[in-house]
């Protein structure tokens, strides 16, 4: 099973370039990156972080997260793994 990261955010990062580079390193290491923005619109930064355009969504109050869950389960095979701390900076 590939590694998976699900970023849940209310906005943009303090350092967009650094964040995007970190996401690229994750993807290079076969880690699928999902992004959920709570409130607001999807930005270019969030699209650059996500592994695929179908892996980024926005929601006002977690309503759309249910449909987003299907893509997440496809990548993980529905299995739960052990959470690990990653040093990507």
C-alpha atoms as a PDB file:
ATOM      1  CA  UNK A   1       0.000   0.000   0.000  1.00  0.00           C
ATOM      2  CA  UNK A   2       1.397   3.428  -0.845  1.00  0.00           C
ATOM      3  CA  UNK A   3       1.829   6.060   1.798  1.00  0.00           C
ATOM      4  CA  UNK A   4      -0.995   8.564   2.136  1.00  0.00           C
ATOM      5  CA  UNK A   5      -1.161  12.101   3.518  1.00  0.00           C
ATOM      6  CA  UNK A   6      -4.431  13.973   3.955  1.00  0.00           C
ATOM      7  CA  UNK A   7      -3.908  17.705   4.470  1.00  0.00           C
ATOM      8  CA  UNK A   8      -6.891  19.514   5.977  1.00  0.00           C
ATOM      9  CA  UNK A   9      -6.514  23.287   5.930  1.00  0.00           C
ATOM     10  CA  UNK A  10      -8.414  26.538   6.284  1.00  0.00           C
ATOM     11  CA  UNK A  11      -6.132  28.513   4.007  1.00  0.00           C
ATOM     12  CA  UNK A  12      -2.741  28.722   2.407  1.00  0.00           C
ATOM     13  CA  UNK A  13       0.706  28.104   3.829  1.00  0.00           C
ATOM     14  CA  UNK A  14       3.133  30.757   5.041  1.00  0.00           C
ATOM     15  CA  UNK A  15       5.685  29.624   2.449  1.00  0.00           C
ATOM     16  CA  UNK A  16       4.031  28.308  -0.713  1.00  0.00           C
ATOM     17  CA  UNK A  17       7.271  27.349  -2.484  1.00  0.00           C
ATOM     18  CA  UNK A  18       8.553  25.355   0.472  1.00  0.00           C
ATOM     19  CA  UNK A  19       5.202  23.612   0.900  1.00  0.00           C
ATOM     20  CA  UNK A  20       4.936  22.674  -2.772  1.00  0.00           C
ATOM     21  CA  UNK A  21       8.519  21.350  -2.789  1.00  0.00           C
ATOM     22  CA  UNK A  22       7.737  19.216   0.276  1.00  0.00           C
ATOM     23  CA  UNK A  23       4.656  17.805  -1.478  1.00  0.00           C
ATOM     24  CA  UNK A  24       6.791  16.982  -4.538  1.00  0.00           C
ATOM     25  CA  UNK A  25       9.206  15.054  -2.327  1.00  0.00           C
ATOM     26  CA  UNK A  26       6.299  13.111  -0.843  1.00  0.00           C
ATOM     27  CA  UNK A  27       4.969  12.202  -4.294  1.00  0.00           C
ATOM     28  CA  UNK A  28       8.480  11.202  -5.430  1.00  0.00           C
ATOM     29  CA  UNK A  29       8.476   8.753  -2.508  1.00  0.00           C
ATOM     30  CA  UNK A  30       5.172   7.190  -3.652  1.00  0.00           C
ATOM     31  CA  UNK A  31       3.056   9.060  -1.079  1.00  0.00           C
ATOM     32  CA  UNK A  32      -0.410  10.068  -2.296  1.00  0.00           C
ATOM     33  CA  UNK A  33      -1.310  13.568  -1.116  1.00  0.00           C
ATOM     34  CA  UNK A  34      -4.974  14.505  -0.582  1.00  0.00           C
ATOM     35  CA  UNK A  35      -6.066  18.059   0.278  1.00  0.00           C
ATOM     36  CA  UNK A  36      -9.302  19.239   1.911  1.00  0.00           C
ATOM     37  CA  UNK A  37      -9.864  22.993   2.262  1.00  0.00           C
ATOM     38  CA  UNK A  38     -12.462  23.941   4.835  1.00  0.00           C
ATOM     39  CA  UNK A  39     -14.121  27.194   3.763  1.00  0.00           C
ATOM     40  CA  UNK A  40     -12.912  29.241   0.825  1.00  0.00           C
ATOM     41  CA  UNK A  41     -11.856  28.215  -2.651  1.00  0.00           C
ATOM     42  CA  UNK A  42      -9.322  25.778  -3.993  1.00  0.00           C
ATOM     43  CA  UNK A  43      -6.116  27.663  -4.794  1.00  0.00           C
ATOM     44  CA  UNK A  44      -3.274  26.915  -7.182  1.00  0.00           C
ATOM     45  CA  UNK A  45      -1.116  26.090  -4.182  1.00  0.00           C
ATOM     46  CA  UNK A  46      -3.533  23.426  -2.971  1.00  0.00           C
ATOM     47  CA  UNK A  47      -3.785  21.958  -6.476  1.00  0.00           C
ATOM     48  CA  UNK A  48       0.029  21.835  -6.643  1.00  0.00           C
ATOM     49  CA  UNK A  49       0.161  20.007  -3.306  1.00  0.00           C
ATOM     50  CA  UNK A  50      -2.388  17.317  -4.210  1.00  0.00           C
ATOM     51  CA  UNK A  51      -1.194  14.275  -6.148  1.00  0.00           C
ATOM     52  CA  UNK A  52      -4.109  14.483  -8.578  1.00  0.00           C
ATOM     53  CA  UNK A  53      -6.851  16.986  -9.349  1.00  0.00           C
ATOM     54  CA  UNK A  54      -9.416  14.508  -7.977  1.00  0.00           C
ATOM     55  CA  UNK A  55      -7.511  14.488  -4.672  1.00  0.00           C
ATOM     56  CA  UNK A  56      -8.325  18.106  -3.790  1.00  0.00           C
ATOM     57  CA  UNK A  57     -11.690  19.381  -2.596  1.00  0.00           C
ATOM     58  CA  UNK A  58     -13.246  22.196  -0.654  1.00  0.00           C
ATOM     59  CA  UNK A  59     -16.059  22.121   1.847  1.00  0.00           C
ATOM     60  CA  UNK A  60     -17.843  24.660   3.974  1.00  0.00           C
ATOM     61  CA  UNK A  61     -18.427  22.249   6.844  1.00  0.00           C
ATOM     62  CA  UNK A  62     -17.161  18.767   5.938  1.00  0.00           C
ATOM     63  CA  UNK A  63     -20.271  17.904   3.839  1.00  0.00           C
ATOM     64  CA  UNK A  64     -18.307  17.009   0.686  1.00  0.00           C
ATOM     65  CA  UNK A  65     -15.718  15.018   2.577  1.00  0.00           C
ATOM     66  CA  UNK A  66     -17.992  11.966   2.380  1.00  0.00           C
ATOM     67  CA  UNK A  67     -17.707  11.799  -1.437  1.00  0.00           C
ATOM     68  CA  UNK A  68     -13.968  12.564  -1.239  1.00  0.00           C
ATOM     69  CA  UNK A  69     -13.640   9.499   0.981  1.00  0.00           C
ATOM     70  CA  UNK A  70     -14.166   7.173  -2.020  1.00  0.00           C
ATOM     71  CA  UNK A  71     -10.989   8.326  -3.802  1.00  0.00           C
ATOM     72  CA  UNK A  72      -9.084   8.086  -0.527  1.00  0.00           C
ATOM     73  CA  UNK A  73     -10.235   4.488  -0.016  1.00  0.00           C
ATOM     74  CA  UNK A  74      -9.213   3.567  -3.574  1.00  0.00           C
ATOM     75  CA  UNK A  75      -5.639   4.644  -2.902  1.00  0.00           C
ATOM     76  CA  UNK A  76      -5.422   2.989   0.506  1.00  0.00           C
ATOM     77  CA  UNK A  77      -7.345  -0.143  -0.462  1.00  0.00           C
ATOM     78  CA  UNK A  78      -9.647   0.638   2.457  1.00  0.00           C
ATOM     79  CA  UNK A  79      -6.914  -0.390   4.881  1.00  0.00           C
ATOM     80  CA  UNK A  80      -5.751   1.568   7.868  1.00  0.00           C
ATOM     81  CA  UNK A  81      -2.053   1.872   8.427  1.00  0.00           C
ATOM     82  CA  UNK A  82       0.214   3.197  11.105  1.00  0.00           C
ATOM     83  CA  UNK A  83       0.645   6.948  11.244  1.00  0.00           C
ATOM     84  CA  UNK A  84       4.236   8.071  10.941  1.00  0.00           C
ATOM     85  CA  UNK A  85       5.907  11.416  11.386  1.00  0.00           C
ATOM     86  CA  UNK A  86       7.612  12.537   8.186  1.00  0.00           C
ATOM     87  CA  UNK A  87      10.488  14.996   7.997  1.00  0.00           C
ATOM     88  CA  UNK A  88       9.906  16.621   4.626  1.00  0.00           C
ATOM     89  CA  UNK A  89      11.381  20.072   5.205  1.00  0.00           C
END
